[in-house]
Amino acid sequence: MPLVAEQSSRYTALSMMIKTEESSGTLLYLGARSSTDMFHLRLAGGRVQLKFDIGEGSTTVNTDVQVDDNSWHTIRVSRNGKFGYISIDSGEGQIKSFTGANGGSLDLLELDTDG
């Protein structure tokens, strides 16, 4: 299944299916050359982790679902303003959800658009 992504300065969303035995690595990275703003979806310790920075320090959303089990997992990730969300199937027919929020007042992800 291909990566499906939608992004604007206030809202970012994507869904993907993964099957891996790797415990670490980048799944998606969106970043700006002219600022610290970024949206980084990765594997850390066999679990999905979202880290984003909208100009006032980074926010990390951690999950507790192991995905490095060589089984298919569907991952849905979104950021709405300063709030980050991950939902992921546990491989047992259950979907678990995780959230995090940036404590600052900014809510725009400003990425370079000039290619």
C-alpha atoms as a PDB file:
ATOM      1  CA  MET A   1       0.000   0.000   0.000  1.00  0.00           C
ATOM      2  CA  PRO A   2       1.505   3.365  -0.953  1.00  0.00           C
ATOM      3  CA  LEU A   3       2.093   6.188   1.463  1.00  0.00           C
ATOM      4  CA  VAL A   4      -0.841   8.599   1.574  1.00  0.00           C
ATOM      5  CA  ALA A   5       0.019  12.052   2.874  1.00  0.00           C
ATOM      6  CA  GLU A   6      -1.661  15.427   3.153  1.00  0.00           C
ATOM      7  CA  GLN A   7       0.063  18.510   4.467  1.00  0.00           C
ATOM      8  CA  SER A   8      -0.625  22.178   5.077  1.00  0.00           C
ATOM      9  CA  SER A   9       0.970  24.560   7.527  1.00  0.00           C
ATOM     10  CA  ARG A  10      -1.698  23.848  10.167  1.00  0.00           C
ATOM     11  CA  TYR A  11      -2.522  20.201   9.410  1.00  0.00           C
ATOM     12  CA  THR A  12      -0.446  17.151   8.455  1.00  0.00           C
ATOM     13  CA  ALA A  13      -1.813  13.625   7.975  1.00  0.00           C
ATOM     14  CA  LEU A  14      -0.581  10.355   6.570  1.00  0.00           C
ATOM     15  CA  SER A  15      -1.280   6.677   6.653  1.00  0.00           C
ATOM     16  CA  MET A  16       0.960   3.764   5.758  1.00  0.00           C
ATOM     17  CA  MET A  17       1.359   0.060   6.177  1.00  0.00           C
ATOM     18  CA  ILE A  18       4.709  -1.328   7.254  1.00  0.00           C
ATOM     19  CA  LYS A  19       6.193  -4.784   7.693  1.00  0.00           C
ATOM     20  CA  THR A  20       9.677  -4.800   9.179  1.00  0.00           C
ATOM     21  CA  GLU A  21      12.161  -6.507  11.429  1.00  0.00           C
ATOM     22  CA  GLU A  22      14.170  -3.298  11.830  1.00  0.00           C
ATOM     23  CA  SER A  23      14.011  -1.650  15.248  1.00  0.00           C
ATOM     24  CA  SER A  24      15.132   1.825  14.221  1.00  0.00           C
ATOM     25  CA  GLY A  25      15.007   4.119  11.219  1.00  0.00           C
ATOM     26  CA  THR A  26      13.185   6.995   9.579  1.00  0.00           C
ATOM     27  CA  LEU A  27       9.779   6.333   8.018  1.00  0.00           C
ATOM     28  CA  LEU A  28       9.143   9.941   6.915  1.00  0.00           C
ATOM     29  CA  TYR A  29      10.898  13.254   7.405  1.00  0.00           C
ATOM     30  CA  LEU A  30       9.606  16.692   6.410  1.00  0.00           C
ATOM     31  CA  GLY A  31      11.876  19.571   7.328  1.00  0.00           C
ATOM     32  CA  ALA A  32      12.694  23.169   6.545  1.00  0.00           C
ATOM     33  CA  ARG A  33      16.120  24.457   5.531  1.00  0.00           C
ATOM     34  CA  SER A  34      15.336  27.934   6.858  1.00  0.00           C
ATOM     35  CA  SER A  35      13.969  27.053  10.329  1.00  0.00           C
ATOM     36  CA  THR A  36      13.840  24.288  12.938  1.00  0.00           C
ATOM     37  CA  ASP A  37      10.319  23.241  11.888  1.00  0.00           C
ATOM     38  CA  MET A  38      10.070  19.529  11.104  1.00  0.00           C
ATOM     39  CA  PHE A  39       7.801  16.466  11.152  1.00  0.00           C
ATOM     40  CA  HIS A  40       9.661  13.192  11.739  1.00  0.00           C
ATOM     41  CA  LEU A  41       8.068   9.745  11.881  1.00  0.00           C
ATOM     42  CA  ARG A  42      10.491   7.018  12.852  1.00  0.00           C
ATOM     43  CA  LEU A  43      11.059   3.684  14.529  1.00  0.00           C
ATOM     44  CA  ALA A  44      12.822   3.744  17.886  1.00  0.00           C
ATOM     45  CA  GLY A  45      13.246   0.545  19.875  1.00  0.00           C
ATOM     46  CA  GLY A  46      10.844  -1.220  17.487  1.00  0.00           C
ATOM     47  CA  ARG A  47       8.069   1.282  18.221  1.00  0.00           C
ATOM     48  CA  VAL A  48       6.662   4.127  16.138  1.00  0.00           C
ATOM     49  CA  GLN A  49       7.585   7.611  17.317  1.00  0.00           C
ATOM     50  CA  LEU A  50       6.491  11.016  16.008  1.00  0.00           C
ATOM     51  CA  LYS A  51       8.614  14.064  16.666  1.00  0.00           C
ATOM     52  CA  PHE A  52       7.605  17.494  15.432  1.00  0.00           C
ATOM     53  CA  ASP A  53       8.792  21.041  15.955  1.00  0.00           C
ATOM     54  CA  ILE A  54       6.640  24.042  15.062  1.00  0.00           C
ATOM     55  CA  GLY A  55       9.105  26.681  16.222  1.00  0.00           C
ATOM     56  CA  GLU A  56       9.008  26.444  20.015  1.00  0.00           C
ATOM     57  CA  GLY A  57      10.846  23.219  20.726  1.00  0.00           C
ATOM     58  CA  SER A  58      10.134  19.670  19.712  1.00  0.00           C
ATOM     59  CA  THR A  59       7.281  17.458  20.841  1.00  0.00           C
ATOM     60  CA  THR A  60       7.510  13.665  20.870  1.00  0.00           C
ATOM     61  CA  VAL A  61       4.596  11.223  20.714  1.00  0.00           C
ATOM     62  CA  ASN A  62       5.676   7.711  21.723  1.00  0.00           C
ATOM     63  CA  THR A  63       3.806   4.446  21.238  1.00  0.00           C
ATOM     64  CA  ASP A  64       4.048   1.137  23.069  1.00  0.00           C
ATOM     65  CA  VAL A  65       3.202  -1.161  20.134  1.00  0.00           C
ATOM     66  CA  GLN A  66       6.108  -3.267  18.857  1.00  0.00           C
ATOM     67  CA  VAL A  67       6.109  -3.168  15.056  1.00  0.00           C
ATOM     68  CA  ASP A  68       9.449  -4.881  14.370  1.00  0.00           C
ATOM     69  CA  ASP A  69       7.769  -8.303  14.385  1.00  0.00           C
ATOM     70  CA  ASN A  70       7.705  -8.894  10.587  1.00  0.00           C
ATOM     71  CA  SER A  71       3.888  -8.505  10.573  1.00  0.00           C
ATOM     72  CA  TRP A  72       1.840  -5.887   8.738  1.00  0.00           C
ATOM     73  CA  HIS A  73       0.824  -2.822  10.765  1.00  0.00           C
ATOM     74  CA  THR A  74      -1.303   0.124   9.668  1.00  0.00           C
ATOM     75  CA  ILE A  75      -0.124   3.469  11.001  1.00  0.00           C
ATOM     76  CA  ARG A  76      -2.142   6.679  10.868  1.00  0.00           C
ATOM     77  CA  VAL A  77      -0.451   9.882  11.953  1.00  0.00           C
ATOM     78  CA  SER A  78      -1.723  13.440  12.090  1.00  0.00           C
ATOM     79  CA  ARG A  79      -0.803  16.824  13.455  1.00  0.00           C
ATOM     80  CA  ASN A  80      -3.475  19.448  13.947  1.00  0.00           C
ATOM     81  CA  GLY A  81      -1.869  22.679  15.072  1.00  0.00           C
ATOM     82  CA  LYS A  82       0.211  21.848  18.115  1.00  0.00           C
ATOM     83  CA  PHE A  83      -1.379  18.418  18.725  1.00  0.00           C
ATOM     84  CA  GLY A  84       0.121  15.161  17.398  1.00  0.00           C
ATOM     85  CA  TYR A  85      -1.771  11.869  17.045  1.00  0.00           C
ATOM     86  CA  ILE A  86      -0.787   8.300  16.172  1.00  0.00           C
ATOM     87  CA  SER A  87      -3.090   5.324  15.789  1.00  0.00           C
ATOM     88  CA  ILE A  88      -1.613   1.924  15.091  1.00  0.00           C
ATOM     89  CA  ASP A  89      -2.939  -1.596  14.954  1.00  0.00           C
ATOM     90  CA  SER A  90      -1.360  -3.906  17.476  1.00  0.00           C
ATOM     91  CA  GLY A  91      -1.435  -6.877  15.126  1.00  0.00           C
ATOM     92  CA  GLU A  92      -4.094  -8.482  17.322  1.00  0.00           C
ATOM     93  CA  GLY A  93      -7.105  -6.725  15.813  1.00  0.00           C
ATOM     94  CA  GLN A  94      -6.864  -3.816  18.243  1.00  0.00           C
ATOM     95  CA  ILE A  95      -6.122  -0.202  17.372  1.00  0.00           C
ATOM     96  CA  LYS A  96      -4.237   1.832  19.945  1.00  0.00           C
ATOM     97  CA  SER A  97      -4.092   5.631  19.939  1.00  0.00           C
ATOM     98  CA  PHE A  98      -1.456   8.005  21.295  1.00  0.00           C
ATOM     99  CA  THR A  99      -1.379  11.803  21.578  1.00  0.00           C
ATOM    100  CA  GLY A 100       0.977  14.614  22.472  1.00  0.00           C
ATOM    101  CA  ALA A 101       0.913  18.402  22.436  1.00  0.00           C
ATOM    102  CA  ASN A 102       3.417  21.196  22.044  1.00  0.00           C
ATOM    103  CA  GLY A 103       3.188  23.561  25.017  1.00  0.00           C
ATOM    104  CA  GLY A 104       3.870  26.755  23.071  1.00  0.00           C
ATOM    105  CA  SER A 105       1.516  29.172  21.365  1.00  0.00           C
ATOM    106  CA  LEU A 106       2.571  28.481  17.756  1.00  0.00           C
ATOM    107  CA  ASP A 107       0.630  25.976  15.656  1.00  0.00           C
ATOM    108  CA  LEU A 108       2.035  26.233  12.102  1.00  0.00           C
ATOM    109  CA  LEU A 109       4.554  23.877  10.505  1.00  0.00           C
ATOM    110  CA  GLU A 110       6.486  26.115   8.130  1.00  0.00           C
ATOM    111  CA  LEU A 111       8.273  24.108   5.458  1.00  0.00           C
ATOM    112  CA  ASP A 112      10.194  25.384   2.459  1.00  0.00           C
ATOM    113  CA  THR A 113       8.066  25.251  -0.695  1.00  0.00           C
ATOM    114  CA  ASP A 114      10.662  26.197  -3.300  1.00  0.00           C
ATOM    115  CA  GLY A 115      11.729  22.622  -3.995  1.00  0.00           C
END
